[in-house]
Amino acid sequence: MNILAIECTHEALSVAVLKAGIVTEAVSTEWRRAAESLVPLVEQVMTESRLNRQELECIAISSGPGSFTALRIGMSVAKGIAYGLGIPLVSVPTMPSMAASLRASTGTIISVIPARKGEYYYAAYHSADLSAGLWHDEVQRGSAADVDAAANLCSRRGETLVVGRGLFELIPLLAHSEAVYREADFFSARTLFVSADRLFAKADVADLKEVTPDYRQTFSPNGE
């Protein structure tokens, strides 16, 4: 299948095209300038992949949680392309997708995404469930200490990996636990393809209006 994927939930910005099994991806460090950067990235990967827009079969979007502003911009761009081409928009939950992209064979994986300052979203997944596509929606929100406590609890039951981007407040806490931290530099638009292909069967062009970002909080002008 031919898929265009967008990942701009937090701390990074990437767009990728899957064409006949070949991936073309563009990454930008201008994550906080998603409004200016996202469309040029889409145009770049479409050009480099030599894929006509009319050949796209669906759009995949990493739906959050994450930055209120980036989620809104990413979803708007994805919906605009899907509407224009009359193709489905596949919403891929960010937290289980990030955990699944780690490809751990055993144990528990805890995905962590920054919320507001000093707060984090976090969710624990069993590796076997992730491999089978059995994703849950039980996302919690708390401080770095709360995430550390959850990681320690999971570690008592077996191998535990904590995955996230730039969790500088959390890393020192985890250093004193049995949990192992992994930087999610491997998580980008290209990692959405497997999930998008699985979810495509449930997608419908008529449902575009129902696809919304997974904010999990109200917008605050004082920060995200």
Protein backbone atom coordinates (compact mmCIF):
# COMPACT_ATOMS: atom_id res chain seq x y z
CA MET A 1 0.00 0.00 0.00
CA ASN A 2 0.94 3.63 -0.51
CA ILE A 3 0.75 5.59 2.76
CA LEU A 4 1.72 9.08 3.88
CA ALA A 5 2.51 9.23 7.62
CA ILE A 6 2.92 12.25 9.89
CA GLU A 7 4.41 12.28 13.41
CA CYS A 8 4.63 15.66 15.18
CA THR A 9 3.21 15.01 18.65
CA HIS A 10 6.18 16.16 20.73
CA GLU A 11 9.89 16.99 20.53
CA ALA A 12 10.29 15.92 16.89
CA LEU A 13 8.74 16.37 13.46
CA SER A 14 8.79 13.78 10.69
CA VAL A 15 6.88 12.79 7.55
CA ALA A 16 7.28 9.54 5.64
CA VAL A 17 5.92 7.86 2.52
CA LEU A 18 5.59 4.12 2.02
CA LYS A 19 5.52 3.30 -1.69
CA ALA A 20 5.56 -0.33 -2.81
CA GLY A 21 7.41 -1.32 0.34
CA ILE A 22 10.02 1.45 0.07
CA VAL A 23 10.15 4.17 2.75
CA THR A 24 11.09 7.79 2.12
CA GLU A 25 11.30 9.97 5.21
CA ALA A 26 12.09 13.59 6.05
CA VAL A 27 12.84 14.80 9.57
CA SER A 28 12.98 18.34 10.92
CA THR A 29 14.35 19.80 14.15
CA GLU A 30 11.84 22.66 13.85
CA TRP A 31 9.22 20.84 15.89
CA ARG A 32 7.94 24.02 17.52
CA ARG A 33 7.46 25.55 14.08
CA ALA A 34 5.22 22.79 12.78
CA ALA A 35 2.92 25.28 11.06
CA GLU A 36 5.75 26.44 8.83
CA SER A 37 7.64 23.16 8.51
CA LEU A 38 5.07 20.40 8.06
CA VAL A 39 3.71 21.11 4.57
CA PRO A 40 7.21 21.55 3.04
CA LEU A 41 8.17 18.19 4.57
CA VAL A 42 5.13 16.55 2.98
CA GLU A 43 6.03 18.05 -0.39
CA GLN A 44 9.65 16.90 0.05
CA VAL A 45 8.84 13.23 0.70
CA MET A 46 6.24 13.13 -2.05
CA THR A 47 8.79 14.50 -4.52
CA GLU A 48 11.64 12.26 -3.36
CA SER A 49 9.44 9.14 -3.40
CA ARG A 50 8.14 10.03 -6.88
CA LEU A 51 4.65 9.21 -5.73
CA ASN A 52 1.69 11.11 -7.16
CA ARG A 53 -0.82 12.22 -4.57
CA GLN A 54 -3.56 10.38 -6.43
CA GLU A 55 -1.66 7.13 -5.76
CA LEU A 56 -1.93 7.53 -1.99
CA GLU A 57 -4.33 5.06 -0.38
CA CYS A 58 -4.46 6.53 3.12
CA ILE A 59 -2.94 9.08 5.49
CA ALA A 60 -1.62 8.00 8.89
CA ILE A 61 -1.34 10.48 11.75
CA SER A 62 0.18 10.02 15.19
CA SER A 63 -2.78 11.19 17.26
CA GLY A 64 -1.29 11.95 20.67
CA PRO A 65 -1.22 12.75 23.48
CA GLY A 66 1.38 15.46 23.10
CA SER A 67 1.66 19.15 22.33
CA PHE A 68 -1.74 20.83 21.93
CA THR A 69 -0.46 23.08 19.13
CA ALA A 70 1.53 20.45 17.22
CA LEU A 71 -1.31 17.92 17.43
CA ARG A 72 -3.78 20.46 16.08
CA ILE A 73 -1.50 21.43 13.19
CA GLY A 74 -0.61 17.85 12.31
CA MET A 75 -4.23 16.73 12.34
CA SER A 76 -5.30 19.73 10.24
CA VAL A 77 -2.70 18.99 7.57
CA ALA A 78 -3.53 15.27 7.54
CA LYS A 79 -7.27 15.93 7.30
CA GLY A 80 -6.79 18.46 4.54
CA ILE A 81 -4.87 15.97 2.41
CA ALA A 82 -7.32 13.14 3.15
CA TYR A 83 -10.34 15.31 2.33
CA GLY A 84 -8.76 16.56 -0.86
CA LEU A 85 -7.94 13.07 -2.11
CA GLY A 86 -11.03 11.35 -0.74
CA ILE A 87 -9.02 8.72 1.14
CA PRO A 88 -9.16 7.44 4.74
CA LEU A 89 -7.27 9.05 7.61
CA VAL A 90 -5.87 6.46 10.02
CA SER A 91 -5.41 7.72 13.58
CA VAL A 92 -2.53 5.89 15.29
CA PRO A 93 -2.39 6.26 19.12
CA THR A 94 1.06 7.62 19.94
CA MET A 95 1.81 5.89 23.23
CA PRO A 96 1.30 2.24 22.25
CA SER A 97 2.82 2.92 18.83
CA MET A 98 5.96 4.33 20.44
CA ALA A 99 6.14 1.34 22.79
CA ALA A 100 5.62 -1.15 19.95
CA SER A 101 8.36 0.45 17.86
CA LEU A 102 10.90 -0.51 20.54
CA ARG A 103 10.33 -4.15 19.55
CA ALA A 104 11.23 -5.60 22.96
CA SER A 105 10.71 -9.36 23.01
CA THR A 106 9.69 -9.72 26.65
CA GLY A 107 8.65 -7.72 29.68
CA THR A 108 6.85 -4.41 30.10
CA ILE A 109 7.33 -1.20 28.15
CA ILE A 110 6.27 2.13 29.67
CA SER A 111 5.76 4.96 27.20
CA VAL A 112 6.23 8.47 28.60
CA ILE A 113 5.29 11.75 26.93
CA PRO A 114 5.66 15.21 28.53
CA ALA A 115 2.41 16.98 29.41
CA ARG A 116 2.63 20.35 31.11
CA LYS A 117 5.80 21.36 32.95
CA GLY A 118 6.66 18.77 35.56
CA GLU A 119 3.89 16.42 34.39
CA TYR A 120 3.91 13.38 32.14
CA TYR A 121 1.55 11.00 30.39
CA TYR A 122 2.55 7.40 30.92
CA ALA A 123 1.18 3.96 30.12
CA ALA A 124 2.48 0.42 30.58
CA TYR A 125 2.19 -2.26 27.90
CA HIS A 126 3.10 -5.94 27.78
CA SER A 127 5.43 -6.73 24.89
CA ALA A 128 3.36 -9.71 23.79
CA ASP A 129 0.20 -7.58 23.62
CA LEU A 130 1.95 -4.92 21.57
CA SER A 131 3.17 -7.52 19.08
CA ALA A 132 -0.37 -8.86 18.76
CA GLY A 133 -1.85 -5.39 18.25
CA LEU A 134 -3.74 -5.57 21.56
CA TRP A 135 -3.45 -1.94 22.57
CA HIS A 136 -5.23 -0.41 25.55
CA ASP A 137 -6.16 3.21 26.27
CA GLU A 138 -5.27 3.37 29.97
CA VAL A 139 -3.06 6.46 30.03
CA GLN A 140 -2.15 8.04 33.35
CA ARG A 141 -0.81 11.49 34.13
CA GLY A 142 1.52 12.47 36.94
CA SER A 143 4.90 13.75 38.09
CA ALA A 144 8.34 12.27 37.41
CA ALA A 145 8.11 10.60 40.81
CA ASP A 146 4.81 8.98 39.78
CA VAL A 147 6.38 7.60 36.60
CA ASP A 148 9.35 6.32 38.58
CA ALA A 149 7.03 4.61 41.09
CA ALA A 150 5.12 2.93 38.25
CA ALA A 151 8.39 1.77 36.66
CA ASN A 152 9.61 0.33 39.97
CA LEU A 153 6.33 -1.51 40.47
CA CYS A 154 6.53 -3.07 37.01
CA SER A 155 10.20 -3.96 37.56
CA ARG A 156 9.25 -6.18 40.48
CA ARG A 157 7.27 -8.31 38.05
CA GLY A 158 9.93 -8.58 35.37
CA GLU A 159 12.03 -6.71 32.83
CA THR A 160 10.80 -3.12 32.37
CA LEU A 161 11.81 -0.60 29.74
CA VAL A 162 10.85 3.08 29.90
CA VAL A 163 10.80 4.86 26.54
CA GLY A 164 10.50 8.58 25.82
CA ARG A 165 12.15 11.64 24.31
CA GLY A 166 14.46 13.88 26.33
CA LEU A 167 13.06 12.96 29.74
CA PHE A 168 15.90 14.70 31.56
CA GLU A 169 14.02 15.07 34.85
CA LEU A 170 13.07 11.41 34.87
CA ILE A 171 16.33 9.77 33.80
CA PRO A 172 18.20 10.34 37.12
CA LEU A 173 15.30 8.79 39.06
CA LEU A 174 15.23 5.71 36.86
CA ALA A 175 18.98 5.26 37.33
CA HIS A 176 18.26 4.07 40.86
CA SER A 177 15.61 1.55 39.81
CA GLU A 178 15.57 -1.76 37.96
CA ALA A 179 13.87 -0.16 34.96
CA VAL A 180 15.96 0.64 31.89
CA TYR A 181 15.49 3.91 29.99
CA ARG A 182 15.55 4.02 26.20
CA GLU A 183 15.61 7.28 24.23
CA ALA A 184 12.86 7.17 21.57
CA ASP A 185 15.01 8.53 18.74
CA PHE A 186 13.83 5.50 16.73
CA PHE A 187 10.19 6.64 16.88
CA SER A 188 9.21 8.66 13.82
CA ALA A 189 6.67 8.76 11.01
CA ARG A 190 8.10 5.62 9.42
CA THR A 191 7.21 3.58 12.53
CA LEU A 192 3.51 4.30 12.00
CA PHE A 193 3.23 2.20 8.85
CA VAL A 194 2.77 -1.21 10.48
CA SER A 195 0.00 0.10 12.73
CA ALA A 196 -1.58 2.12 9.92
CA ASP A 197 -1.75 -0.94 7.70
CA ARG A 198 -3.45 -2.91 10.50
CA LEU A 199 -5.92 -0.12 11.29
CA PHE A 200 -6.66 0.66 7.65
CA ALA A 201 -9.38 -1.99 7.44
CA LYS A 202 -11.40 -0.08 10.04
CA ALA A 203 -10.92 3.33 8.43
CA ASP A 204 -13.62 5.03 6.37
CA VAL A 205 -13.53 8.25 4.37
CA ALA A 206 -16.92 9.14 5.82
CA ASP A 207 -15.45 9.12 9.34
CA LEU A 208 -12.94 11.94 8.75
CA LYS A 209 -14.95 14.37 10.89
CA GLU A 210 -14.74 11.93 13.78
CA VAL A 211 -10.94 11.78 13.77
CA THR A 212 -9.61 14.18 16.42
CA PRO A 213 -6.33 14.69 18.29
CA ASP A 214 -5.99 12.89 21.60
CA TYR A 215 -5.29 16.02 23.67
CA ARG A 216 -6.15 14.60 27.14
CA GLN A 217 -5.97 18.13 28.52
CA THR A 218 -7.29 21.61 27.82
CA PHE A 219 -5.11 24.22 26.17
CA SER A 220 -3.11 26.47 28.50
CA PRO A 221 -1.60 29.72 27.16
CA ASN A 222 1.14 29.40 29.81
CA GLY A 223 2.64 26.27 28.34
CA GLU A 224 1.93 22.85 26.93
